[in-house]
Structure formats: structure tokens, C-alpha cells
Amino acid sequence: MSTVSNILEKARQRASESALAYSGAVTPDEAWALVQAVPGTRIVDVRTHAEWQFVGTVPNALLIEWKRYPDMALNPEFLTQLKAQVDPQNVVLFLCRTGARSHDAAALAAKHGYSEAYNILEGFEGEKDEHQHRGQKNGWKGHKLPWAQG
């Protein structure tokens, strides 16, 4: 079985075990492997503009706020923006700070026809370490995957 098949099988198994309303959940390393191996795969970063600017972004990720800074109200145009930028037949990987907002975004996308919607576990920054800092313990940054400062 190929690496891609293994990743997708694990992701779907996680979905089944956790009763997720979307295709599955992937680790940051698995997400990066899918982006590199599966044409058309898109990472959709659902954090806020402030997070993109001050914390950093994944190269070539689509930036669509799930909630808008500073009041953190839901973005009423999220689905419209997603549909305008991502083909519902493509693999789409949702990313936020720790995996919570991206979970909600993946569920909404799946409900609206995205058959390969996945949440990136741990998010961009991951959990806090023993010094109460994010970005070191786990998450996209903690796994030392490509990213750039805004």
C-alpha cells in the first residue's frame, strides 16, 4: 500500500473512532506528505488575519478566516469563499492554531459537498510547552514543516 493510501486509511480510521462528520484527521507530517503527493490538495488556513501576519503561514495555503479578528465572530462568507477557491472533489486540509476551528470548518465543508475534507491535528502552533509557549511541542511549527513569517 502506498504512503498516500496509508495516510488516508489512518485518517479515516481516526474519523471512525471519533465519529467525525468529515473524512478524517491527519497529523501535520501526514498533511505535508499529502500536499506533496496528491495533485490538487489544498491546505486552507482558517485562522485570523492577525495570526497569519504575526505568527506565520504555510507556503501556498489558502487563507480563509473561520472567525474574524478582533471580535471572533463567525465569518458569514466562509463557505462562499471556500467554494470560490477549492474544488469540492479535491483533498482539502483545514488548519488552525490547535485543531479546533479547523475541525468545525472541515465539518461544514463535508456537509456542503467536500468529499475529502480533513482536519490537521495539533494545528499550526500546537499545545503549549512547559514554558507556556506554542510552536515547540507539536503542531505544524513544532514538526519543523515549511512555514513563513508574515
C-alpha atoms as a PDB file:
ATOM      1  CA  MET A   1       0.000   0.000   0.000  1.00  0.00           C
ATOM      2  CA  SER A   2       1.338   3.439  -0.886  1.00  0.00           C
ATOM      3  CA  THR A   3       2.150   6.163   1.606  1.00  0.00           C
ATOM      4  CA  VAL A   4      -0.872   8.174   0.444  1.00  0.00           C
ATOM      5  CA  SER A   5      -3.165   5.173   0.882  1.00  0.00           C
ATOM      6  CA  ASN A   6      -1.729   4.541   4.353  1.00  0.00           C
ATOM      7  CA  ILE A   7      -2.225   8.156   5.377  1.00  0.00           C
ATOM      8  CA  LEU A   8      -5.801   8.275   4.135  1.00  0.00           C
ATOM      9  CA  GLU A   9      -6.599   4.943   5.782  1.00  0.00           C
ATOM     10  CA  LYS A  10      -5.271   6.211   9.144  1.00  0.00           C
ATOM     11  CA  ALA A  11      -7.175   9.477   8.716  1.00  0.00           C
ATOM     12  CA  ARG A  12     -10.438   7.664   8.011  1.00  0.00           C
ATOM     13  CA  GLN A  13      -9.839   5.322  10.944  1.00  0.00           C
ATOM     14  CA  ARG A  14      -9.461   8.366  13.221  1.00  0.00           C
ATOM     15  CA  ALA A  15     -12.733   9.708  11.800  1.00  0.00           C
ATOM     16  CA  SER A  16     -14.499   6.456  12.561  1.00  0.00           C
ATOM     17  CA  GLU A  17     -13.063   6.182  16.088  1.00  0.00           C
ATOM     18  CA  SER A  18     -14.009   9.771  16.927  1.00  0.00           C
ATOM     19  CA  ALA A  19     -17.316   9.858  14.986  1.00  0.00           C
ATOM     20  CA  LEU A  20     -16.145  12.830  12.934  1.00  0.00           C
ATOM     21  CA  ALA A  21     -18.559  14.462  10.493  1.00  0.00           C
ATOM     22  CA  TYR A  22     -15.878  14.645   7.794  1.00  0.00           C
ATOM     23  CA  SER A  23     -13.408  12.344   6.039  1.00  0.00           C
ATOM     24  CA  GLY A  24     -10.722  12.214   8.692  1.00  0.00           C
ATOM     25  CA  ALA A  25      -7.915  13.775  10.668  1.00  0.00           C
ATOM     26  CA  VAL A  26      -4.240  13.920   9.716  1.00  0.00           C
ATOM     27  CA  THR A  27      -1.088  14.812  11.602  1.00  0.00           C
ATOM     28  CA  PRO A  28       0.960  17.764  10.358  1.00  0.00           C
ATOM     29  CA  ASP A  29       3.523  15.380   8.819  1.00  0.00           C
ATOM     30  CA  GLU A  30       0.769  13.436   7.061  1.00  0.00           C
ATOM     31  CA  ALA A  31      -0.755  16.686   5.766  1.00  0.00           C
ATOM     32  CA  TRP A  32       2.587  17.768   4.325  1.00  0.00           C
ATOM     33  CA  ALA A  33       3.039  14.366   2.670  1.00  0.00           C
ATOM     34  CA  LEU A  34      -0.422  14.626   1.076  1.00  0.00           C
ATOM     35  CA  VAL A  35       0.280  18.134  -0.234  1.00  0.00           C
ATOM     36  CA  GLN A  36       3.452  16.874  -1.867  1.00  0.00           C
ATOM     37  CA  ALA A  37       1.994  13.636  -3.269  1.00  0.00           C
ATOM     38  CA  VAL A  38      -1.628  14.317  -4.252  1.00  0.00           C
ATOM     39  CA  PRO A  39      -2.162  16.870  -7.037  1.00  0.00           C
ATOM     40  CA  GLY A  40      -4.774  19.483  -6.210  1.00  0.00           C
ATOM     41  CA  THR A  41      -4.536  19.003  -2.439  1.00  0.00           C
ATOM     42  CA  ARG A  42      -5.094  22.329  -0.688  1.00  0.00           C
ATOM     43  CA  ILE A  43      -4.382  23.476   2.832  1.00  0.00           C
ATOM     44  CA  VAL A  44      -6.970  26.000   3.990  1.00  0.00           C
ATOM     45  CA  ASP A  45      -5.715  28.010   6.951  1.00  0.00           C
ATOM     46  CA  VAL A  46      -8.789  29.180   8.867  1.00  0.00           C
ATOM     47  CA  ARG A  47      -7.004  31.323  11.457  1.00  0.00           C
ATOM     48  CA  THR A  48      -7.390  35.104  11.610  1.00  0.00           C
ATOM     49  CA  HIS A  49      -5.562  37.782   9.636  1.00  0.00           C
ATOM     50  CA  ALA A  50      -3.714  38.717  12.828  1.00  0.00           C
ATOM     51  CA  GLU A  51      -2.493  35.140  13.284  1.00  0.00           C
ATOM     52  CA  TRP A  52      -1.318  34.919   9.678  1.00  0.00           C
ATOM     53  CA  GLN A  53       0.522  38.216   9.963  1.00  0.00           C
ATOM     54  CA  PHE A  54       2.112  37.798  13.383  1.00  0.00           C
ATOM     55  CA  VAL A  55       2.518  34.019  13.784  1.00  0.00           C
ATOM     56  CA  GLY A  56       3.184  32.862  10.220  1.00  0.00           C
ATOM     57  CA  THR A  57       1.641  30.810   7.437  1.00  0.00           C
ATOM     58  CA  VAL A  58       2.205  27.638   5.454  1.00  0.00           C
ATOM     59  CA  PRO A  59       3.502  28.428   1.935  1.00  0.00           C
ATOM     60  CA  ASN A  60       0.740  28.221  -0.698  1.00  0.00           C
ATOM     61  CA  ALA A  61      -2.023  27.696   1.861  1.00  0.00           C
ATOM     62  CA  LEU A  62      -5.324  29.386   1.147  1.00  0.00           C
ATOM     63  CA  LEU A  63      -6.188  31.907   3.834  1.00  0.00           C
ATOM     64  CA  ILE A  64      -9.887  31.995   4.722  1.00  0.00           C
ATOM     65  CA  GLU A  65     -10.865  33.190   8.200  1.00  0.00           C
ATOM     66  CA  TRP A  66     -13.295  30.943  10.106  1.00  0.00           C
ATOM     67  CA  LYS A  67     -13.760  33.660  12.715  1.00  0.00           C
ATOM     68  CA  ARG A  68     -12.880  37.295  12.213  1.00  0.00           C
ATOM     69  CA  TYR A  69     -10.475  39.180  14.418  1.00  0.00           C
ATOM     70  CA  PRO A  70     -10.890  41.042  16.772  1.00  0.00           C
ATOM     71  CA  ASP A  71     -14.431  40.077  17.829  1.00  0.00           C
ATOM     72  CA  MET A  72     -14.023  36.429  16.754  1.00  0.00           C
ATOM     73  CA  ALA A  73     -17.457  36.382  15.123  1.00  0.00           C
ATOM     74  CA  LEU A  74     -18.013  33.622  12.577  1.00  0.00           C
ATOM     75  CA  ASN A  75     -17.144  34.632   9.022  1.00  0.00           C
ATOM     76  CA  PRO A  76     -20.534  34.531   7.247  1.00  0.00           C
ATOM     77  CA  GLU A  77     -18.762  34.324   3.869  1.00  0.00           C
ATOM     78  CA  PHE A  78     -16.569  31.345   4.766  1.00  0.00           C
ATOM     79  CA  LEU A  79     -18.407  28.787   2.647  1.00  0.00           C
ATOM     80  CA  THR A  80     -18.721  31.150  -0.325  1.00  0.00           C
ATOM     81  CA  GLN A  81     -15.001  31.926  -0.152  1.00  0.00           C
ATOM     82  CA  LEU A  82     -14.134  28.237   0.152  1.00  0.00           C
ATOM     83  CA  LYS A  83     -16.294  27.265  -2.837  1.00  0.00           C
ATOM     84  CA  ALA A  84     -14.728  30.033  -4.936  1.00  0.00           C
ATOM     85  CA  GLN A  85     -11.200  28.738  -4.268  1.00  0.00           C
ATOM     86  CA  VAL A  86     -11.355  24.971  -3.708  1.00  0.00           C
ATOM     87  CA  ASP A  87     -12.858  22.270  -5.926  1.00  0.00           C
ATOM     88  CA  PRO A  88     -15.109  20.049  -3.769  1.00  0.00           C
ATOM     89  CA  GLN A  89     -13.524  16.971  -5.387  1.00  0.00           C
ATOM     90  CA  ASN A  90     -10.012  17.853  -4.193  1.00  0.00           C
ATOM     91  CA  VAL A  91      -8.427  16.799  -0.932  1.00  0.00           C
ATOM     92  CA  VAL A  92      -8.772  19.788   1.389  1.00  0.00           C
ATOM     93  CA  LEU A  93      -6.871  20.006   4.669  1.00  0.00           C
ATOM     94  CA  PHE A  94      -8.082  22.515   7.237  1.00  0.00           C
ATOM     95  CA  LEU A  95      -5.582  24.163   9.601  1.00  0.00           C
ATOM     96  CA  CYS A  96      -5.971  26.487  12.586  1.00  0.00           C
ATOM     97  CA  ARG A  97      -3.897  27.195  15.722  1.00  0.00           C
ATOM     98  CA  THR A  98      -4.588  23.943  17.600  1.00  0.00           C
ATOM     99  CA  GLY A  99      -7.142  21.965  15.567  1.00  0.00           C
ATOM    100  CA  ALA A 100     -10.468  23.246  16.963  1.00  0.00           C
ATOM    101  CA  ARG A 101     -11.594  25.831  14.397  1.00  0.00           C
ATOM    102  CA  SER A 102     -10.315  23.603  11.599  1.00  0.00           C
ATOM    103  CA  HIS A 103     -12.450  20.757  12.978  1.00  0.00           C
ATOM    104  CA  ASP A 104     -15.540  22.966  12.615  1.00  0.00           C
ATOM    105  CA  ALA A 105     -14.501  24.124   9.137  1.00  0.00           C
ATOM    106  CA  ALA A 106     -13.970  20.530   7.963  1.00  0.00           C
ATOM    107  CA  ALA A 107     -17.408  19.547   9.283  1.00  0.00           C
ATOM    108  CA  LEU A 108     -19.081  22.439   7.445  1.00  0.00           C
ATOM    109  CA  ALA A 109     -17.204  21.668   4.230  1.00  0.00           C
ATOM    110  CA  ALA A 110     -18.193  17.992   4.373  1.00  0.00           C
ATOM    111  CA  LYS A 111     -21.824  18.978   4.944  1.00  0.00           C
ATOM    112  CA  HIS A 112     -21.644  21.063   1.754  1.00  0.00           C
ATOM    113  CA  GLY A 113     -20.198  18.518  -0.632  1.00  0.00           C
ATOM    114  CA  TYR A 114     -16.477  18.357   0.102  1.00  0.00           C
ATOM    115  CA  SER A 115     -15.996  14.599  -0.009  1.00  0.00           C
ATOM    116  CA  GLU A 116     -12.309  14.680   1.025  1.00  0.00           C
ATOM    117  CA  ALA A 117     -12.281  17.162   3.925  1.00  0.00           C
ATOM    118  CA  TYR A 118      -9.690  16.603   6.666  1.00  0.00           C
ATOM    119  CA  ASN A 119      -8.659  18.351   9.855  1.00  0.00           C
ATOM    120  CA  ILE A 120      -4.959  18.845  10.568  1.00  0.00           C
ATOM    121  CA  LEU A 121      -4.460  17.679  14.143  1.00  0.00           C
ATOM    122  CA  GLU A 122      -2.395  19.845  16.501  1.00  0.00           C
ATOM    123  CA  GLY A 123      -2.837  22.873  14.228  1.00  0.00           C
ATOM    124  CA  PHE A 124      -0.179  25.383  13.240  1.00  0.00           C
ATOM    125  CA  GLU A 125       1.148  26.141  16.726  1.00  0.00           C
ATOM    126  CA  GLY A 126       0.099  23.099  18.749  1.00  0.00           C
ATOM    127  CA  GLU A 127      -0.056  22.759  22.507  1.00  0.00           C
ATOM    128  CA  LYS A 128       1.807  24.919  24.998  1.00  0.00           C
ATOM    129  CA  ASP A 129       5.103  23.570  26.273  1.00  0.00           C
ATOM    130  CA  GLU A 130       6.334  23.634  29.878  1.00  0.00           C
ATOM    131  CA  HIS A 131       7.150  27.351  29.452  1.00  0.00           C
ATOM    132  CA  GLN A 132       3.613  28.097  28.181  1.00  0.00           C
ATOM    133  CA  HIS A 133       4.890  28.723  24.629  1.00  0.00           C
ATOM    134  CA  ARG A 134       3.322  27.316  21.491  1.00  0.00           C
ATOM    135  CA  GLY A 135       5.119  26.189  18.341  1.00  0.00           C
ATOM    136  CA  GLN A 136       7.715  23.969  20.013  1.00  0.00           C
ATOM    137  CA  LYS A 137       5.948  20.922  21.430  1.00  0.00           C
ATOM    138  CA  ASN A 138       3.875  19.869  18.417  1.00  0.00           C
ATOM    139  CA  GLY A 139       1.790  21.353  15.622  1.00  0.00           C
ATOM    140  CA  TRP A 140       2.994  22.376  12.163  1.00  0.00           C
ATOM    141  CA  LYS A 141       5.769  24.561  13.559  1.00  0.00           C
ATOM    142  CA  GLY A 142       6.800  22.015  16.189  1.00  0.00           C
ATOM    143  CA  HIS A 143       7.212  19.374  13.478  1.00  0.00           C
ATOM    144  CA  LYS A 144       9.577  21.776  11.665  1.00  0.00           C
ATOM    145  CA  LEU A 145       7.469  21.803   8.490  1.00  0.00           C
ATOM    146  CA  PRO A 146       7.730  24.676   5.974  1.00  0.00           C
ATOM    147  CA  TRP A 147       6.284  27.996   7.085  1.00  0.00           C
ATOM    148  CA  ALA A 148       6.995  31.686   6.674  1.00  0.00           C
ATOM    149  CA  GLN A 149       6.634  34.685   8.927  1.00  0.00           C
ATOM    150  CA  GLY A 150       4.033  37.218   7.774  1.00  0.00           C
END
